[in-house]
Amino acid sequence: MKIQWKKLIICILIPLAVGGASAFLTRDGIQVFEWINKPPLSPPAWLFPVAWTILYVLMGISSYLVLVNEKNRGPALTVYGIQLFFNFVWPIIFFNMEAYLLAFIWLAAMWILIIVTTIQFKKVSKAAALLLILYILWVAFAGYLNFGIYLLN
């Protein structure tokens, strides 16, 4: 399969733009994260933008593999878009609203949507599904952190 570079770049830019817009809207979130009580295993604040950038690139590549596949990709890309919306909103709930329980519930729904996305992507491209595994794991870890922060604050 020949790489369609324009589509690949657009597919990568979409989740990066979603993450970038959310980060812009929650740009003071790092200060919030510094002063709140955190559970054990909480990584340093600088790790989050690095991890999310990697995850957004993997998501973009994954969505590209689905987009260029001839199989029925409509349902897969629809649920992908919905989980991207959930991804965009979560930091706003967590950092701007400081509604930690609501953020946890939102994150749990997002995690389920990511799993559904992965299942849908697997129907179109196994490689696309595999690229989302780190995303599933990271959001599960984020759920642990989010719930811990809710309990401690």
C-alpha atoms as a PDB file:
ATOM      1  CA  MET A   1       0.000   0.000   0.000  1.00  0.00           C
ATOM      2  CA  LYS A   2       1.377   3.373  -1.048  1.00  0.00           C
ATOM      3  CA  ILE A   3       1.361   6.029   1.679  1.00  0.00           C
ATOM      4  CA  GLN A   4      -0.982   8.919   0.957  1.00  0.00           C
ATOM      5  CA  TRP A   5       1.088  11.591   2.655  1.00  0.00           C
ATOM      6  CA  LYS A   6      -1.461  14.397   2.590  1.00  0.00           C
ATOM      7  CA  LYS A   7      -4.102  12.199   4.257  1.00  0.00           C
ATOM      8  CA  LEU A   8      -1.574  10.881   6.770  1.00  0.00           C
ATOM      9  CA  ILE A   9      -0.469  14.378   7.770  1.00  0.00           C
ATOM     10  CA  ILE A  10      -4.084  15.560   8.115  1.00  0.00           C
ATOM     11  CA  CYS A  11      -4.948  12.488  10.191  1.00  0.00           C
ATOM     12  CA  ILE A  12      -2.031  13.217  12.522  1.00  0.00           C
ATOM     13  CA  LEU A  13      -2.795  16.935  12.719  1.00  0.00           C
ATOM     14  CA  ILE A  14      -6.423  16.384  13.746  1.00  0.00           C
ATOM     15  CA  PRO A  15      -5.741  14.802  17.166  1.00  0.00           C
ATOM     16  CA  LEU A  16      -2.745  17.105  17.676  1.00  0.00           C
ATOM     17  CA  ALA A  17      -5.034  20.098  17.040  1.00  0.00           C
ATOM     18  CA  VAL A  18      -7.664  18.712  19.423  1.00  0.00           C
ATOM     19  CA  GLY A  19      -5.020  18.235  22.112  1.00  0.00           C
ATOM     20  CA  GLY A  20      -3.416  21.589  21.383  1.00  0.00           C
ATOM     21  CA  ALA A  21      -6.725  23.453  21.603  1.00  0.00           C
ATOM     22  CA  SER A  22      -7.586  21.729  24.859  1.00  0.00           C
ATOM     23  CA  ALA A  23      -4.121  22.447  26.245  1.00  0.00           C
ATOM     24  CA  PHE A  24      -4.478  26.105  25.267  1.00  0.00           C
ATOM     25  CA  LEU A  25      -7.804  26.340  27.080  1.00  0.00           C
ATOM     26  CA  THR A  26      -6.310  24.692  30.181  1.00  0.00           C
ATOM     27  CA  ARG A  27      -2.863  26.290  30.010  1.00  0.00           C
ATOM     28  CA  ASP A  28      -2.888  27.061  33.749  1.00  0.00           C
ATOM     29  CA  GLY A  29      -3.528  23.383  34.490  1.00  0.00           C
ATOM     30  CA  ILE A  30       0.108  22.644  35.255  1.00  0.00           C
ATOM     31  CA  GLN A  31      -0.068  25.006  38.253  1.00  0.00           C
ATOM     32  CA  VAL A  32      -3.261  23.293  39.421  1.00  0.00           C
ATOM     33  CA  PHE A  33      -1.599  19.903  39.050  1.00  0.00           C
ATOM     34  CA  GLU A  34       1.419  21.090  41.068  1.00  0.00           C
ATOM     35  CA  TRP A  35      -0.529  22.137  44.156  1.00  0.00           C
ATOM     36  CA  ILE A  36      -3.206  19.442  44.398  1.00  0.00           C
ATOM     37  CA  ASN A  37      -2.700  16.286  46.444  1.00  0.00           C
ATOM     38  CA  LYS A  38      -1.821  13.384  44.159  1.00  0.00           C
ATOM     39  CA  PRO A  39      -1.871   9.600  44.614  1.00  0.00           C
ATOM     40  CA  PRO A  40       1.278   7.458  44.581  1.00  0.00           C
ATOM     41  CA  LEU A  41       2.887   6.872  41.155  1.00  0.00           C
ATOM     42  CA  SER A  42       1.926  10.345  39.934  1.00  0.00           C
ATOM     43  CA  PRO A  43       4.405  11.296  37.221  1.00  0.00           C
ATOM     44  CA  PRO A  44       5.970  14.751  36.993  1.00  0.00           C
ATOM     45  CA  ALA A  45       3.858  17.351  35.193  1.00  0.00           C
ATOM     46  CA  TRP A  46       6.267  17.628  32.246  1.00  0.00           C
ATOM     47  CA  LEU A  47       5.559  14.004  31.272  1.00  0.00           C
ATOM     48  CA  PHE A  48       1.908  14.638  30.375  1.00  0.00           C
ATOM     49  CA  PRO A  49       2.429  16.795  27.262  1.00  0.00           C
ATOM     50  CA  VAL A  50       5.159  14.410  26.046  1.00  0.00           C
ATOM     51  CA  ALA A  51       2.958  11.339  26.530  1.00  0.00           C
ATOM     52  CA  TRP A  52      -0.089  12.983  24.979  1.00  0.00           C
ATOM     53  CA  THR A  53       1.856  14.167  21.942  1.00  0.00           C
ATOM     54  CA  ILE A  54       3.043  10.623  21.303  1.00  0.00           C
ATOM     55  CA  LEU A  55      -0.485   9.279  21.806  1.00  0.00           C
ATOM     56  CA  TYR A  56      -1.986  11.873  19.460  1.00  0.00           C
ATOM     57  CA  VAL A  57       0.503  10.942  16.737  1.00  0.00           C
ATOM     58  CA  LEU A  58      -0.297   7.244  17.195  1.00  0.00           C
ATOM     59  CA  MET A  59      -4.025   8.037  17.094  1.00  0.00           C
ATOM     60  CA  GLY A  60      -3.526   9.968  13.883  1.00  0.00           C
ATOM     61  CA  ILE A  61      -1.603   7.147  12.224  1.00  0.00           C
ATOM     62  CA  SER A  62      -4.238   4.698  13.419  1.00  0.00           C
ATOM     63  CA  SER A  63      -7.082   6.780  11.993  1.00  0.00           C
ATOM     64  CA  TYR A  64      -5.173   7.089   8.710  1.00  0.00           C
ATOM     65  CA  LEU A  65      -4.942   3.297   8.431  1.00  0.00           C
ATOM     66  CA  VAL A  66      -8.706   3.118   8.830  1.00  0.00           C
ATOM     67  CA  LEU A  67      -9.413   6.023   6.498  1.00  0.00           C
ATOM     68  CA  VAL A  68      -7.467   4.592   3.549  1.00  0.00           C
ATOM     69  CA  ASN A  69      -8.834   1.078   3.969  1.00  0.00           C
ATOM     70  CA  GLU A  70     -11.559  -0.086   1.610  1.00  0.00           C
ATOM     71  CA  LYS A  71     -13.579  -1.791   4.362  1.00  0.00           C
ATOM     72  CA  ASN A  72     -16.606  -0.187   6.047  1.00  0.00           C
ATOM     73  CA  ARG A  73     -14.849   2.541   7.979  1.00  0.00           C
ATOM     74  CA  GLY A  74     -17.794   4.854   8.713  1.00  0.00           C
ATOM     75  CA  PRO A  75     -18.738   3.503  12.166  1.00  0.00           C
ATOM     76  CA  ALA A  76     -15.081   3.320  13.197  1.00  0.00           C
ATOM     77  CA  LEU A  77     -14.341   6.917  12.256  1.00  0.00           C
ATOM     78  CA  THR A  78     -17.584   8.134  13.858  1.00  0.00           C
ATOM     79  CA  VAL A  79     -16.779   6.650  17.262  1.00  0.00           C
ATOM     80  CA  TYR A  80     -13.190   7.895  16.838  1.00  0.00           C
ATOM     81  CA  GLY A  81     -14.538  11.426  16.433  1.00  0.00           C
ATOM     82  CA  ILE A  82     -16.771  11.068  19.489  1.00  0.00           C
ATOM     83  CA  GLN A  83     -13.886   9.888  21.679  1.00  0.00           C
ATOM     84  CA  LEU A  84     -11.784  12.802  20.376  1.00  0.00           C
ATOM     85  CA  PHE A  85     -14.516  15.152  21.580  1.00  0.00           C
ATOM     86  CA  PHE A  86     -14.433  13.476  25.015  1.00  0.00           C
ATOM     87  CA  ASN A  87     -10.641  13.797  24.965  1.00  0.00           C
ATOM     88  CA  PHE A  88     -10.954  17.533  24.239  1.00  0.00           C
ATOM     89  CA  VAL A  89     -13.448  18.185  27.047  1.00  0.00           C
ATOM     90  CA  TRP A  90     -11.841  16.154  29.863  1.00  0.00           C
ATOM     91  CA  PRO A  91      -9.012  18.606  30.701  1.00  0.00           C
ATOM     92  CA  ILE A  92     -11.514  21.461  30.796  1.00  0.00           C
ATOM     93  CA  ILE A  93     -13.618  19.601  33.363  1.00  0.00           C
ATOM     94  CA  PHE A  94     -10.558  18.546  35.353  1.00  0.00           C
ATOM     95  CA  PHE A  95      -8.353  21.656  35.264  1.00  0.00           C
ATOM     96  CA  ASN A  96     -10.681  24.598  34.617  1.00  0.00           C
ATOM     97  CA  MET A  97     -13.745  23.418  36.523  1.00  0.00           C
ATOM     98  CA  GLU A  98     -11.758  21.397  39.088  1.00  0.00           C
ATOM     99  CA  ALA A  99     -14.721  18.990  39.093  1.00  0.00           C
ATOM    100  CA  TYR A 100     -12.646  15.901  39.812  1.00  0.00           C
ATOM    101  CA  LEU A 101     -15.498  13.415  40.237  1.00  0.00           C
ATOM    102  CA  LEU A 102     -17.252  14.587  37.064  1.00  0.00           C
ATOM    103  CA  ALA A 103     -13.884  14.462  35.283  1.00  0.00           C
ATOM    104  CA  PHE A 104     -13.410  10.867  36.444  1.00  0.00           C
ATOM    105  CA  ILE A 105     -16.864   9.862  35.183  1.00  0.00           C
ATOM    106  CA  TRP A 106     -16.172  11.649  31.877  1.00  0.00           C
ATOM    107  CA  LEU A 107     -12.797   9.901  31.633  1.00  0.00           C
ATOM    108  CA  ALA A 108     -14.395   6.508  32.294  1.00  0.00           C
ATOM    109  CA  ALA A 109     -16.853   7.152  29.458  1.00  0.00           C
ATOM    110  CA  MET A 110     -13.938   8.237  27.255  1.00  0.00           C
ATOM    111  CA  TRP A 111     -12.047   5.040  28.113  1.00  0.00           C
ATOM    112  CA  ILE A 112     -15.057   2.962  27.054  1.00  0.00           C
ATOM    113  CA  LEU A 113     -15.285   4.960  23.823  1.00  0.00           C
ATOM    114  CA  ILE A 114     -11.586   4.330  23.170  1.00  0.00           C
ATOM    115  CA  ILE A 115     -12.135   0.594  23.616  1.00  0.00           C
ATOM    116  CA  VAL A 116     -15.127   0.733  21.256  1.00  0.00           C
ATOM    117  CA  THR A 117     -12.986   2.707  18.791  1.00  0.00           C
ATOM    118  CA  THR A 118     -10.260   0.072  19.035  1.00  0.00           C
ATOM    119  CA  ILE A 119     -12.768  -2.724  18.398  1.00  0.00           C
ATOM    120  CA  GLN A 120     -14.201  -0.844  15.425  1.00  0.00           C
ATOM    121  CA  PHE A 121     -10.708  -0.082  14.085  1.00  0.00           C
ATOM    122  CA  LYS A 122      -9.767  -3.771  14.378  1.00  0.00           C
ATOM    123  CA  LYS A 123     -12.630  -4.640  12.030  1.00  0.00           C
ATOM    124  CA  VAL A 124     -10.946  -2.431   9.425  1.00  0.00           C
ATOM    125  CA  SER A 125      -7.223  -2.726  10.275  1.00  0.00           C
ATOM    126  CA  LYS A 126      -5.523  -4.791  12.960  1.00  0.00           C
ATOM    127  CA  ALA A 127      -2.516  -2.451  12.892  1.00  0.00           C
ATOM    128  CA  ALA A 128      -4.800   0.533  13.519  1.00  0.00           C
ATOM    129  CA  ALA A 129      -6.236  -1.191  16.592  1.00  0.00           C
ATOM    130  CA  LEU A 130      -2.795  -2.093  17.927  1.00  0.00           C
ATOM    131  CA  LEU A 131      -1.702   1.549  17.694  1.00  0.00           C
ATOM    132  CA  LEU A 132      -4.436   2.456  20.208  1.00  0.00           C
ATOM    133  CA  ILE A 133      -3.327   0.036  22.941  1.00  0.00           C
ATOM    134  CA  LEU A 134      -1.010   2.584  24.592  1.00  0.00           C
ATOM    135  CA  TYR A 135      -3.853   5.095  24.533  1.00  0.00           C
ATOM    136  CA  ILE A 136      -6.127   2.642  26.363  1.00  0.00           C
ATOM    137  CA  LEU A 137      -3.432   1.969  28.963  1.00  0.00           C
ATOM    138  CA  TRP A 138      -2.573   5.645  29.454  1.00  0.00           C
ATOM    139  CA  VAL A 139      -6.213   6.636  29.926  1.00  0.00           C
ATOM    140  CA  ALA A 140      -6.660   3.792  32.429  1.00  0.00           C
ATOM    141  CA  PHE A 141      -3.653   5.181  34.332  1.00  0.00           C
ATOM    142  CA  ALA A 142      -5.128   8.685  34.023  1.00  0.00           C
ATOM    143  CA  GLY A 143      -8.311   7.274  35.541  1.00  0.00           C
ATOM    144  CA  TYR A 144      -6.338   6.015  38.529  1.00  0.00           C
ATOM    145  CA  LEU A 145      -4.729   9.444  38.926  1.00  0.00           C
ATOM    146  CA  ASN A 146      -8.015  11.295  38.432  1.00  0.00           C
ATOM    147  CA  PHE A 147      -9.882   9.171  40.989  1.00  0.00           C
ATOM    148  CA  GLY A 148      -6.988   9.425  43.432  1.00  0.00           C
ATOM    149  CA  ILE A 149      -6.974  13.209  43.073  1.00  0.00           C
ATOM    150  CA  TYR A 150     -10.727  13.254  43.635  1.00  0.00           C
ATOM    151  CA  LEU A 151     -10.332  11.251  46.859  1.00  0.00           C
ATOM    152  CA  LEU A 152      -7.405  13.307  48.118  1.00  0.00           C
ATOM    153  CA  ASN A 153      -8.851  16.726  47.359  1.00  0.00           C
END
